[in-house]
Amino acid sequence: MRHPIPDWKWACIAASCLFGIAAFVIFVISPGGFEEQVIWCLLLLPGVLPTAFLSDLIYKVAPSAERVIYWLLFVSFNFGWYWAICYSIIKIFRELGWKVGSPEF
């Protein structure tokens, strides 16, 4: 008997792909000049704002741990953002009757 993949796992796969593409665009392709890069970063990786705020608070408490905490929060917030979007879209598709991951999808 074949067990279907749960929606949250599909969302993890899609979120990983989207987060990887966004990071590739920001860190490798680097579109535009400085001002345009800031806009691209805020559009593609919106978790950078709470990450910067929280890592600044961490820096005041433990300066040596700030770099690790920054990247941990950066990945967590942005992955969570893309996961929430993907999960919502999958749930909407399920409500419409489409099966994500099925051959007829």
PDB file of N, CA and C in Angstrom:
ATOM      1  N   MET A   1       0.836  -1.175   0.000  1.00  0.00           N
ATOM      2  CA  MET A   1       0.000   0.000   0.000  1.00  0.00           C
ATOM      3  C   MET A   1       0.884   1.243   0.000  1.00  0.00           C
ATOM      4  N   ARG A   2       0.588   2.149  -0.879  1.00  0.00           N
ATOM      5  CA  ARG A   2       1.386   3.359  -1.031  1.00  0.00           C
ATOM      6  C   ARG A   2       0.782   4.473  -0.191  1.00  0.00           C
ATOM      7  N   HIS A   3       1.614   5.115   0.640  1.00  0.00           N
ATOM      8  CA  HIS A   3       1.152   6.214   1.471  1.00  0.00           C
ATOM      9  C   HIS A   3       1.441   7.535   0.772  1.00  0.00           C
ATOM     10  N   PRO A   4       0.450   8.425   0.712  1.00  0.00           N
ATOM     11  CA  PRO A   4       0.695   9.721   0.071  1.00  0.00           C
ATOM     12  C   PRO A   4       1.612  10.593   0.934  1.00  0.00           C
ATOM     13  N   ILE A   5       2.322  11.473   0.276  1.00  0.00           N
ATOM     14  CA  ILE A   5       3.201  12.396   0.988  1.00  0.00           C
ATOM     15  C   ILE A   5       2.338  13.487   1.608  1.00  0.00           C
ATOM     16  N   PRO A   6       2.531  13.772   2.907  1.00  0.00           N
ATOM     17  CA  PRO A   6       1.718  14.819   3.554  1.00  0.00           C
ATOM     18  C   PRO A   6       1.985  16.196   2.942  1.00  0.00           C
ATOM     19  N   ASP A   7       1.019  17.080   3.130  1.00  0.00           N
ATOM     20  CA  ASP A   7       1.116  18.422   2.565  1.00  0.00           C
ATOM     21  C   ASP A   7       2.316  19.193   3.098  1.00  0.00           C
ATOM     22  N   TRP A   8       2.634  19.023   4.382  1.00  0.00           N
ATOM     23  CA  TRP A   8       3.743  19.792   4.942  1.00  0.00           C
ATOM     24  C   TRP A   8       5.072  19.374   4.324  1.00  0.00           C
ATOM     25  N   LYS A   9       5.183  18.113   3.906  1.00  0.00           N
ATOM     26  CA  LYS A   9       6.416  17.681   3.245  1.00  0.00           C
ATOM     27  C   LYS A   9       6.518  18.266   1.840  1.00  0.00           C
ATOM     28  N   TRP A  10       5.382  18.312   1.132  1.00  0.00           N
ATOM     29  CA  TRP A  10       5.388  18.971  -0.180  1.00  0.00           C
ATOM     30  C   TRP A  10       5.774  20.436  -0.020  1.00  0.00           C
ATOM     31  N   ALA A  11       5.241  21.075   1.023  1.00  0.00           N
ATOM     32  CA  ALA A  11       5.562  22.475   1.269  1.00  0.00           C
ATOM     33  C   ALA A  11       7.043  22.649   1.597  1.00  0.00           C
ATOM     34  N   CYS A  12       7.645  21.703   2.320  1.00  0.00           N
ATOM     35  CA  CYS A  12       9.081  21.773   2.626  1.00  0.00           C
ATOM     36  C   CYS A  12       9.923  21.674   1.354  1.00  0.00           C
ATOM     37  N   ILE A  13       9.533  20.788   0.464  1.00  0.00           N
ATOM     38  CA  ILE A  13      10.268  20.631  -0.797  1.00  0.00           C
ATOM     39  C   ILE A  13      10.180  21.907  -1.623  1.00  0.00           C
ATOM     40  N   ALA A  14       8.966  22.421  -1.764  1.00  0.00           N
ATOM     41  CA  ALA A  14       8.769  23.646  -2.554  1.00  0.00           C
ATOM     42  C   ALA A  14       9.453  24.841  -1.906  1.00  0.00           C
ATOM     43  N   ALA A  15       9.374  24.949  -0.580  1.00  0.00           N
ATOM     44  CA  ALA A  15      10.005  26.068   0.128  1.00  0.00           C
ATOM     45  C   ALA A  15      11.521  26.011   0.000  1.00  0.00           C
ATOM     46  N   SER A  16      12.083  24.822   0.052  1.00  0.00           N
ATOM     47  CA  SER A  16      13.531  24.685  -0.121  1.00  0.00           C
ATOM     48  C   SER A  16      13.969  25.153  -1.503  1.00  0.00           C
ATOM     49  N   CYS A  17      13.198  24.775  -2.511  1.00  0.00           N
ATOM     50  CA  CYS A  17      13.523  25.211  -3.876  1.00  0.00           C
ATOM     51  C   CYS A  17      13.397  26.717  -4.025  1.00  0.00           C
ATOM     52  N   LEU A  18      12.304  27.289  -3.538  1.00  0.00           N
ATOM     53  CA  LEU A  18      12.106  28.733  -3.659  1.00  0.00           C
ATOM     54  C   LEU A  18      13.140  29.522  -2.864  1.00  0.00           C
ATOM     55  N   PHE A  19      13.454  29.063  -1.661  1.00  0.00           N
ATOM     56  CA  PHE A  19      14.464  29.735  -0.846  1.00  0.00           C
ATOM     57  C   PHE A  19      15.838  29.642  -1.512  1.00  0.00           C
ATOM     58  N   GLY A  20      16.147  28.501  -2.096  1.00  0.00           N
ATOM     59  CA  GLY A  20      17.414  28.351  -2.804  1.00  0.00           C
ATOM     60  C   GLY A  20      17.512  29.258  -4.014  1.00  0.00           C
ATOM     61  N   ILE A  21      16.432  29.371  -4.760  1.00  0.00           N
ATOM     62  CA  ILE A  21      16.423  30.267  -5.924  1.00  0.00           C
ATOM     63  C   ILE A  21      16.575  31.713  -5.486  1.00  0.00           C
ATOM     64  N   ALA A  22      15.855  32.111  -4.429  1.00  0.00           N
ATOM     65  CA  ALA A  22      15.944  33.488  -3.938  1.00  0.00           C
ATOM     66  C   ALA A  22      17.353  33.801  -3.446  1.00  0.00           C
ATOM     67  N   ALA A  23      17.961  32.881  -2.707  1.00  0.00           N
ATOM     68  CA  ALA A  23      19.326  33.098  -2.224  1.00  0.00           C
ATOM     69  C   ALA A  23      20.312  33.157  -3.382  1.00  0.00           C
ATOM     70  N   PHE A  24      20.103  32.331  -4.394  1.00  0.00           N
ATOM     71  CA  PHE A  24      20.971  32.356  -5.571  1.00  0.00           C
ATOM     72  C   PHE A  24      20.883  33.702  -6.281  1.00  0.00           C
ATOM     73  N   VAL A  25      19.668  34.216  -6.420  1.00  0.00           N
ATOM     74  CA  VAL A  25      19.489  35.510  -7.083  1.00  0.00           C
ATOM     75  C   VAL A  25      20.168  36.616  -6.280  1.00  0.00           C
ATOM     76  N   ILE A  26      19.996  36.613  -4.974  1.00  0.00           N
ATOM     77  CA  ILE A  26      20.543  37.683  -4.141  1.00  0.00           C
ATOM     78  C   ILE A  26      22.055  37.593  -4.021  1.00  0.00           C
ATOM     79  N   PHE A  27      22.586  36.406  -3.729  1.00  0.00           N
ATOM     80  CA  PHE A  27      24.007  36.279  -3.402  1.00  0.00           C
ATOM     81  C   PHE A  27      24.906  35.976  -4.591  1.00  0.00           C
ATOM     82  N   VAL A  28      24.375  35.401  -5.659  1.00  0.00           N
ATOM     83  CA  VAL A  28      25.215  35.030  -6.806  1.00  0.00           C
ATOM     84  C   VAL A  28      24.994  35.978  -7.982  1.00  0.00           C
ATOM     85  N   ILE A  29      23.751  36.139  -8.376  1.00  0.00           N
ATOM     86  CA  ILE A  29      23.469  36.988  -9.533  1.00  0.00           C
ATOM     87  C   ILE A  29      23.628  38.456  -9.182  1.00  0.00           C
ATOM     88  N   SER A  30      23.188  38.876  -7.998  1.00  0.00           N
ATOM     89  CA  SER A  30      23.277  40.257  -7.508  1.00  0.00           C
ATOM     90  C   SER A  30      22.771  41.265  -8.538  1.00  0.00           C
ATOM     91  N   PRO A  31      21.454  41.291  -8.765  1.00  0.00           N
ATOM     92  CA  PRO A  31      20.925  42.181  -9.797  1.00  0.00           C
ATOM     93  C   PRO A  31      21.021  43.656  -9.407  1.00  0.00           C
ATOM     94  N   GLY A  32      21.368  44.491 -10.363  1.00  0.00           N
ATOM     95  CA  GLY A  32      21.374  45.937 -10.172  1.00  0.00           C
ATOM     96  C   GLY A  32      22.500  46.448  -9.300  1.00  0.00           C
ATOM     97  N   GLY A  33      22.421  47.730  -8.986  1.00  0.00           N
ATOM     98  CA  GLY A  33      23.390  48.367  -8.109  1.00  0.00           C
ATOM     99  C   GLY A  33      23.007  48.170  -6.654  1.00  0.00           C
ATOM    100  N   PHE A  34      23.563  48.988  -5.781  1.00  0.00           N
ATOM    101  CA  PHE A  34      23.341  48.821  -4.348  1.00  0.00           C
ATOM    102  C   PHE A  34      21.872  49.001  -3.983  1.00  0.00           C
ATOM    103  N   GLU A  35      21.248  50.069  -4.465  1.00  0.00           N
ATOM    104  CA  GLU A  35      19.861  50.340  -4.104  1.00  0.00           C
ATOM    105  C   GLU A  35      18.930  49.243  -4.629  1.00  0.00           C
ATOM    106  N   GLU A  36      19.185  48.788  -5.838  1.00  0.00           N
ATOM    107  CA  GLU A  36      18.343  47.736  -6.396  1.00  0.00           C
ATOM    108  C   GLU A  36      18.534  46.418  -5.647  1.00  0.00           C
ATOM    109  N   GLN A  37      19.748  46.155  -5.174  1.00  0.00           N
ATOM    110  CA  GLN A  37      19.985  44.930  -4.422  1.00  0.00           C
ATOM    111  C   GLN A  37      19.228  44.939  -3.103  1.00  0.00           C
ATOM    112  N   VAL A  38      19.127  46.090  -2.471  1.00  0.00           N
ATOM    113  CA  VAL A  38      18.363  46.196  -1.228  1.00  0.00           C
ATOM    114  C   VAL A  38      16.899  45.882  -1.497  1.00  0.00           C
ATOM    115  N   ILE A  39      16.359  46.411  -2.578  1.00  0.00           N
ATOM    116  CA  ILE A  39      14.959  46.152  -2.917  1.00  0.00           C
ATOM    117  C   ILE A  39      14.748  44.672  -3.232  1.00  0.00           C
ATOM    118  N   TRP A  40      15.650  44.092  -4.032  1.00  0.00           N
ATOM    119  CA  TRP A  40      15.549  42.663  -4.351  1.00  0.00           C
ATOM    120  C   TRP A  40      15.623  41.826  -3.079  1.00  0.00           C
ATOM    121  N   CYS A  41      16.510  42.191  -2.172  1.00  0.00           N
ATOM    122  CA  CYS A  41      16.658  41.433  -0.929  1.00  0.00           C
ATOM    123  C   CYS A  41      15.388  41.502  -0.096  1.00  0.00           C
ATOM    124  N   LEU A  42      14.791  42.680   0.017  1.00  0.00           N
ATOM    125  CA  LEU A  42      13.568  42.819   0.804  1.00  0.00           C
ATOM    126  C   LEU A  42      12.388  42.107   0.148  1.00  0.00           C
ATOM    127  N   LEU A  43      12.369  42.057  -1.169  1.00  0.00           N
ATOM    128  CA  LEU A  43      11.277  41.366  -1.862  1.00  0.00           C
ATOM    129  C   LEU A  43      11.420  39.846  -1.804  1.00  0.00           C
ATOM    130  N   LEU A  44      12.625  39.351  -2.038  1.00  0.00           N
ATOM    131  CA  LEU A  44      12.826  37.900  -2.105  1.00  0.00           C
ATOM    132  C   LEU A  44      13.108  37.264  -0.755  1.00  0.00           C
ATOM    133  N   LEU A  45      13.721  37.991   0.152  1.00  0.00           N
ATOM    134  CA  LEU A  45      14.064  37.451   1.467  1.00  0.00           C
ATOM    135  C   LEU A  45      13.543  38.392   2.560  1.00  0.00           C
ATOM    136  N   PRO A  46      12.223  38.426   2.774  1.00  0.00           N
ATOM    137  CA  PRO A  46      11.665  39.383   3.731  1.00  0.00           C
ATOM    138  C   PRO A  46      12.030  39.094   5.181  1.00  0.00           C
ATOM    139  N   GLY A  47      12.531  37.916   5.470  1.00  0.00           N
ATOM    140  CA  GLY A  47      12.936  37.583   6.830  1.00  0.00           C
ATOM    141  C   GLY A  47      14.187  38.297   7.273  1.00  0.00           C
ATOM    142  N   VAL A  48      14.811  39.065   6.387  1.00  0.00           N
ATOM    143  CA  VAL A  48      16.034  39.773   6.737  1.00  0.00           C
ATOM    144  C   VAL A  48      15.752  40.905   7.735  1.00  0.00           C
ATOM    145  N   LEU A  49      14.568  41.475   7.724  1.00  0.00           N
ATOM    146  CA  LEU A  49      14.239  42.565   8.648  1.00  0.00           C
ATOM    147  C   LEU A  49      14.140  42.088  10.102  1.00  0.00           C
ATOM    148  N   PRO A  50      13.315  41.076  10.421  1.00  0.00           N
ATOM    149  CA  PRO A  50      13.322  40.619  11.819  1.00  0.00           C
ATOM    150  C   PRO A  50      14.651  39.989  12.219  1.00  0.00           C
ATOM    151  N   THR A  51      15.351  39.405  11.263  1.00  0.00           N
ATOM    152  CA  THR A  51      16.660  38.828  11.559  1.00  0.00           C
ATOM    153  C   THR A  51      17.640  39.905  11.992  1.00  0.00           C
ATOM    154  N   ALA A  52      17.670  41.015  11.283  1.00  0.00           N
ATOM    155  CA  ALA A  52      18.584  42.102  11.635  1.00  0.00           C
ATOM    156  C   ALA A  52      18.246  42.672  13.008  1.00  0.00           C
ATOM    157  N   PHE A  53      16.972  42.835  13.287  1.00  0.00           N
ATOM    158  CA  PHE A  53      16.563  43.377  14.577  1.00  0.00           C
ATOM    159  C   PHE A  53      16.945  42.444  15.720  1.00  0.00           C
ATOM    160  N   LEU A  54      16.625  41.151  15.587  1.00  0.00           N
ATOM    161  CA  LEU A  54      16.918  40.199  16.656  1.00  0.00           C
ATOM    162  C   LEU A  54      18.417  39.942  16.818  1.00  0.00           C
ATOM    163  N   SER A  55      19.145  39.912  15.718  1.00  0.00           N
ATOM    164  CA  SER A  55      20.587  39.693  15.848  1.00  0.00           C
ATOM    165  C   SER A  55      21.264  40.899  16.486  1.00  0.00           C
ATOM    166  N   ASP A  56      20.718  42.092  16.306  1.00  0.00           N
ATOM    167  CA  ASP A  56      21.248  43.271  16.993  1.00  0.00           C
ATOM    168  C   ASP A  56      21.032  43.150  18.499  1.00  0.00           C
ATOM    169  N   LEU A  57      19.884  42.635  18.903  1.00  0.00           N
ATOM    170  CA  LEU A  57      19.647  42.409  20.329  1.00  0.00           C
ATOM    171  C   LEU A  57      20.588  41.346  20.881  1.00  0.00           C
ATOM    172  N   ILE A  58      20.834  40.310  20.116  1.00  0.00           N
ATOM    173  CA  ILE A  58      21.756  39.244  20.541  1.00  0.00           C
ATOM    174  C   ILE A  58      23.171  39.790  20.660  1.00  0.00           C
ATOM    175  N   TYR A  59      23.543  40.675  19.748  1.00  0.00           N
ATOM    176  CA  TYR A  59      24.891  41.257  19.778  1.00  0.00           C
ATOM    177  C   TYR A  59      25.143  42.011  21.078  1.00  0.00           C
ATOM    178  N   LYS A  60      24.117  42.657  21.616  1.00  0.00           N
ATOM    179  CA  LYS A  60      24.264  43.383  22.874  1.00  0.00           C
ATOM    180  C   LYS A  60      24.471  42.438  24.046  1.00  0.00           C
ATOM    181  N   VAL A  61      23.924  41.222  23.945  1.00  0.00           N
ATOM    182  CA  VAL A  61      24.045  40.252  25.027  1.00  0.00           C
ATOM    183  C   VAL A  61      25.289  39.383  24.867  1.00  0.00           C
ATOM    184  N   ALA A  62      25.493  38.842  23.661  1.00  0.00           N
ATOM    185  CA  ALA A  62      26.615  37.926  23.406  1.00  0.00           C
ATOM    186  C   ALA A  62      27.208  38.230  22.042  1.00  0.00           C
ATOM    187  N   PRO A  63      28.173  39.142  21.969  1.00  0.00           N
ATOM    188  CA  PRO A  63      28.719  39.551  20.672  1.00  0.00           C
ATOM    189  C   PRO A  63      29.347  38.421  19.867  1.00  0.00           C
ATOM    190  N   SER A  64      29.940  37.442  20.523  1.00  0.00           N
ATOM    191  CA  SER A  64      30.603  36.376  19.775  1.00  0.00           C
ATOM    192  C   SER A  64      29.613  35.427  19.106  1.00  0.00           C
ATOM    193  N   ALA A  65      28.387  35.363  19.599  1.00  0.00           N
ATOM    194  CA  ALA A  65      27.390  34.455  19.035  1.00  0.00           C
ATOM    195  C   ALA A  65      26.531  35.118  17.969  1.00  0.00           C
ATOM    196  N   GLU A  66      26.751  36.400  17.735  1.00  0.00           N
ATOM    197  CA  GLU A  66      25.873  37.144  16.831  1.00  0.00           C
ATOM    198  C   GLU A  66      25.888  36.609  15.415  1.00  0.00           C
ATOM    199  N   ARG A  67      27.035  36.256  14.892  1.00  0.00           N
ATOM    200  CA  ARG A  67      27.124  35.785  13.507  1.00  0.00           C
ATOM    201  C   ARG A  67      26.367  34.477  13.303  1.00  0.00           C
ATOM    202  N   VAL A  68      26.521  33.551  14.226  1.00  0.00           N
ATOM    203  CA  VAL A  68      25.830  32.262  14.126  1.00  0.00           C
ATOM    204  C   VAL A  68      24.321  32.462  14.269  1.00  0.00           C
ATOM    205  N   ILE A  69      23.924  33.271  15.238  1.00  0.00           N
ATOM    206  CA  ILE A  69      22.509  33.543  15.450  1.00  0.00           C
ATOM    207  C   ILE A  69      21.904  34.244  14.238  1.00  0.00           C
ATOM    208  N   TYR A  70      22.647  35.178  13.652  1.00  0.00           N
ATOM    209  CA  TYR A  70      22.144  35.885  12.475  1.00  0.00           C
ATOM    210  C   TYR A  70      21.815  34.903  11.357  1.00  0.00           C
ATOM    211  N   TRP A  71      22.740  34.013  11.011  1.00  0.00           N
ATOM    212  CA  TRP A  71      22.498  33.095   9.895  1.00  0.00           C
ATOM    213  C   TRP A  71      21.431  32.064  10.230  1.00  0.00           C
ATOM    214  N   LEU A  72      21.380  31.646  11.483  1.00  0.00           N
ATOM    215  CA  LEU A  72      20.336  30.712  11.900  1.00  0.00           C
ATOM    216  C   LEU A  72      18.956  31.360  11.775  1.00  0.00           C
ATOM    217  N   LEU A  73      18.830  32.593  12.243  1.00  0.00           N
ATOM    218  CA  LEU A  73      17.558  33.305  12.110  1.00  0.00           C
ATOM    219  C   LEU A  73      17.233  33.628  10.657  1.00  0.00           C
ATOM    220  N   PHE A  74      18.253  33.993   9.889  1.00  0.00           N
ATOM    221  CA  PHE A  74      18.063  34.318   8.476  1.00  0.00           C
ATOM    222  C   PHE A  74      17.459  33.138   7.724  1.00  0.00           C
ATOM    223  N   VAL A  75      18.034  31.979   7.885  1.00  0.00           N
ATOM    224  CA  VAL A  75      17.535  30.783   7.205  1.00  0.00           C
ATOM    225  C   VAL A  75      16.157  30.400   7.758  1.00  0.00           C
ATOM    226  N   SER A  76      15.989  30.464   9.070  1.00  0.00           N
ATOM    227  CA  SER A  76      14.716  30.062   9.677  1.00  0.00           C
ATOM    228  C   SER A  76      13.557  30.956   9.253  1.00  0.00           C
ATOM    229  N   PHE A  77      13.740  32.262   9.332  1.00  0.00           N
ATOM    230  CA  PHE A  77      12.647  33.171   8.970  1.00  0.00           C
ATOM    231  C   PHE A  77      12.300  33.088   7.490  1.00  0.00           C
ATOM    232  N   ASN A  78      13.302  33.060   6.645  1.00  0.00           N
ATOM    233  CA  ASN A  78      13.018  33.041   5.212  1.00  0.00           C
ATOM    234  C   ASN A  78      12.455  31.696   4.771  1.00  0.00           C
ATOM    235  N   PHE A  79      12.983  30.608   5.297  1.00  0.00           N
ATOM    236  CA  PHE A  79      12.418  29.303   4.971  1.00  0.00           C
ATOM    237  C   PHE A  79      10.985  29.218   5.490  1.00  0.00           C
ATOM    238  N   GLY A  80      10.748  29.708   6.693  1.00  0.00           N
ATOM    239  CA  GLY A  80       9.395  29.718   7.249  1.00  0.00           C
ATOM    240  C   GLY A  80       8.429  30.536   6.415  1.00  0.00           C
ATOM    241  N   TRP A  81       8.908  31.661   5.884  1.00  0.00           N
ATOM    242  CA  TRP A  81       8.090  32.504   5.010  1.00  0.00           C
ATOM    243  C   TRP A  81       7.687  31.734   3.761  1.00  0.00           C
ATOM    244  N   TYR A  82       8.663  31.112   3.092  1.00  0.00           N
ATOM    245  CA  TYR A  82       8.355  30.362   1.879  1.00  0.00           C
ATOM    246  C   TYR A  82       7.534  29.115   2.180  1.00  0.00           C
ATOM    247  N   TRP A  83       7.772  28.487   3.335  1.00  0.00           N
ATOM    248  CA  TRP A  83       6.997  27.316   3.698  1.00  0.00           C
ATOM    249  C   TRP A  83       5.533  27.697   3.907  1.00  0.00           C
ATOM    250  N   ALA A  84       5.269  28.798   4.589  1.00  0.00           N
ATOM    251  CA  ALA A  84       3.899  29.236   4.837  1.00  0.00           C
ATOM    252  C   ALA A  84       3.181  29.549   3.527  1.00  0.00           C
ATOM    253  N   ILE A  85       3.880  30.189   2.611  1.00  0.00           N
ATOM    254  CA  ILE A  85       3.274  30.493   1.312  1.00  0.00           C
ATOM    255  C   ILE A  85       2.950  29.197   0.561  1.00  0.00           C
ATOM    256  N   CYS A  86       3.904  28.289   0.497  1.00  0.00           N
ATOM    257  CA  CYS A  86       3.700  27.034  -0.233  1.00  0.00           C
ATOM    258  C   CYS A  86       2.604  26.188   0.411  1.00  0.00           C
ATOM    259  N   TYR A  87       2.598  26.115   1.732  1.00  0.00           N
ATOM    260  CA  TYR A  87       1.584  25.329   2.433  1.00  0.00           C
ATOM    261  C   TYR A  87       0.194  25.904   2.194  1.00  0.00           C
ATOM    262  N   SER A  88       0.084  27.227   2.215  1.00  0.00           N
ATOM    263  CA  SER A  88      -1.209  27.870   1.952  1.00  0.00           C
ATOM    264  C   SER A  88      -1.691  27.574   0.537  1.00  0.00           C
ATOM    265  N   ILE A  89      -0.790  27.654  -0.413  1.00  0.00           N
ATOM    266  CA  ILE A  89      -1.164  27.372  -1.803  1.00  0.00           C
ATOM    267  C   ILE A  89      -1.585  25.916  -1.970  1.00  0.00           C
ATOM    268  N   ILE A  90      -0.875  24.996  -1.340  1.00  0.00           N
ATOM    269  CA  ILE A  90      -1.239  23.578  -1.421  1.00  0.00           C
ATOM    270  C   ILE A  90      -2.616  23.349  -0.808  1.00  0.00           C
ATOM    271  N   LYS A  91      -2.875  23.974   0.340  1.00  0.00           N
ATOM    272  CA  LYS A  91      -4.182  23.807   0.974  1.00  0.00           C
ATOM    273  C   LYS A  91      -5.299  24.397   0.121  1.00  0.00           C
ATOM    274  N   ILE A  92      -5.044  25.519  -0.530  1.00  0.00           N
ATOM    275  CA  ILE A  92      -6.041  26.104  -1.427  1.00  0.00           C
ATOM    276  C   ILE A  92      -6.305  25.163  -2.597  1.00  0.00           C
ATOM    277  N   PHE A  93      -5.248  24.589  -3.166  1.00  0.00           N
ATOM    278  CA  PHE A  93      -5.419  23.646  -4.268  1.00  0.00           C
ATOM    279  C   PHE A  93      -6.202  22.420  -3.814  1.00  0.00           C
ATOM    280  N   ARG A  94      -5.946  21.947  -2.610  1.00  0.00           N
ATOM    281  CA  ARG A  94      -6.685  20.793  -2.086  1.00  0.00           C
ATOM    282  C   ARG A  94      -8.172  21.129  -1.942  1.00  0.00           C
ATOM    283  N   GLU A  95      -8.469  22.329  -1.480  1.00  0.00           N
ATOM    284  CA  GLU A  95      -9.866  22.737  -1.346  1.00  0.00           C
ATOM    285  C   GLU A  95     -10.557  22.811  -2.707  1.00  0.00           C
ATOM    286  N   LEU A  96      -9.801  23.179  -3.728  1.00  0.00           N
ATOM    287  CA  LEU A  96     -10.357  23.244  -5.074  1.00  0.00           C
ATOM    288  C   LEU A  96     -10.492  21.867  -5.708  1.00  0.00           C
ATOM    289  N   GLY A  97      -9.923  20.848  -5.057  1.00  0.00           N
ATOM    290  CA  GLY A  97     -10.062  19.497  -5.558  1.00  0.00           C
ATOM    291  C   GLY A  97      -8.878  18.988  -6.355  1.00  0.00           C
ATOM    292  N   TRP A  98      -7.830  19.799  -6.502  1.00  0.00           N
ATOM    293  CA  TRP A  98      -6.639  19.348  -7.218  1.00  0.00           C
ATOM    294  C   TRP A  98      -5.731  18.614  -6.260  1.00  0.00           C
ATOM    295  N   LYS A  99      -5.101  17.583  -6.750  1.00  0.00           N
ATOM    296  CA  LYS A  99      -4.203  16.799  -5.910  1.00  0.00           C
ATOM    297  C   LYS A  99      -2.762  17.155  -6.231  1.00  0.00           C
ATOM    298  N   VAL A 100      -2.062  17.725  -5.251  1.00  0.00           N
ATOM    299  CA  VAL A 100      -0.660  18.079  -5.429  1.00  0.00           C
ATOM    300  C   VAL A 100       0.168  16.798  -5.401  1.00  0.00           C
ATOM    301  N   GLY A 101       1.012  16.631  -6.400  1.00  0.00           N
ATOM    302  CA  GLY A 101       1.852  15.456  -6.463  1.00  0.00           C
ATOM    303  C   GLY A 101       1.242  14.292  -7.206  1.00  0.00           C
ATOM    304  N   SER A 102       0.024  14.419  -7.660  1.00  0.00           N
ATOM    305  CA  SER A 102      -0.599  13.341  -8.403  1.00  0.00           C
ATOM    306  C   SER A 102      -0.326  13.513  -9.892  1.00  0.00           C
ATOM    307  N   PRO A 103      -0.390  12.461 -10.687  1.00  0.00           N
ATOM    308  CA  PRO A 103      -0.085  12.573 -12.112  1.00  0.00           C
ATOM    309  C   PRO A 103      -1.016  13.519 -12.867  1.00  0.00           C
ATOM    310  N   GLU A 104      -2.273  13.634 -12.432  1.00  0.00           N
ATOM    311  CA  GLU A 104      -3.187  14.512 -13.141  1.00  0.00           C
ATOM    312  C   GLU A 104      -3.028  15.974 -12.739  1.00  0.00           C
ATOM    313  N   PHE A 105      -2.174  16.263 -11.772  1.00  0.00           N
ATOM    314  CA  PHE A 105      -1.915  17.631 -11.365  1.00  0.00           C
ATOM    315  C   PHE A 105      -1.078  18.281 -12.413  1.00  0.00           C
TER     316      PHE A 105
END
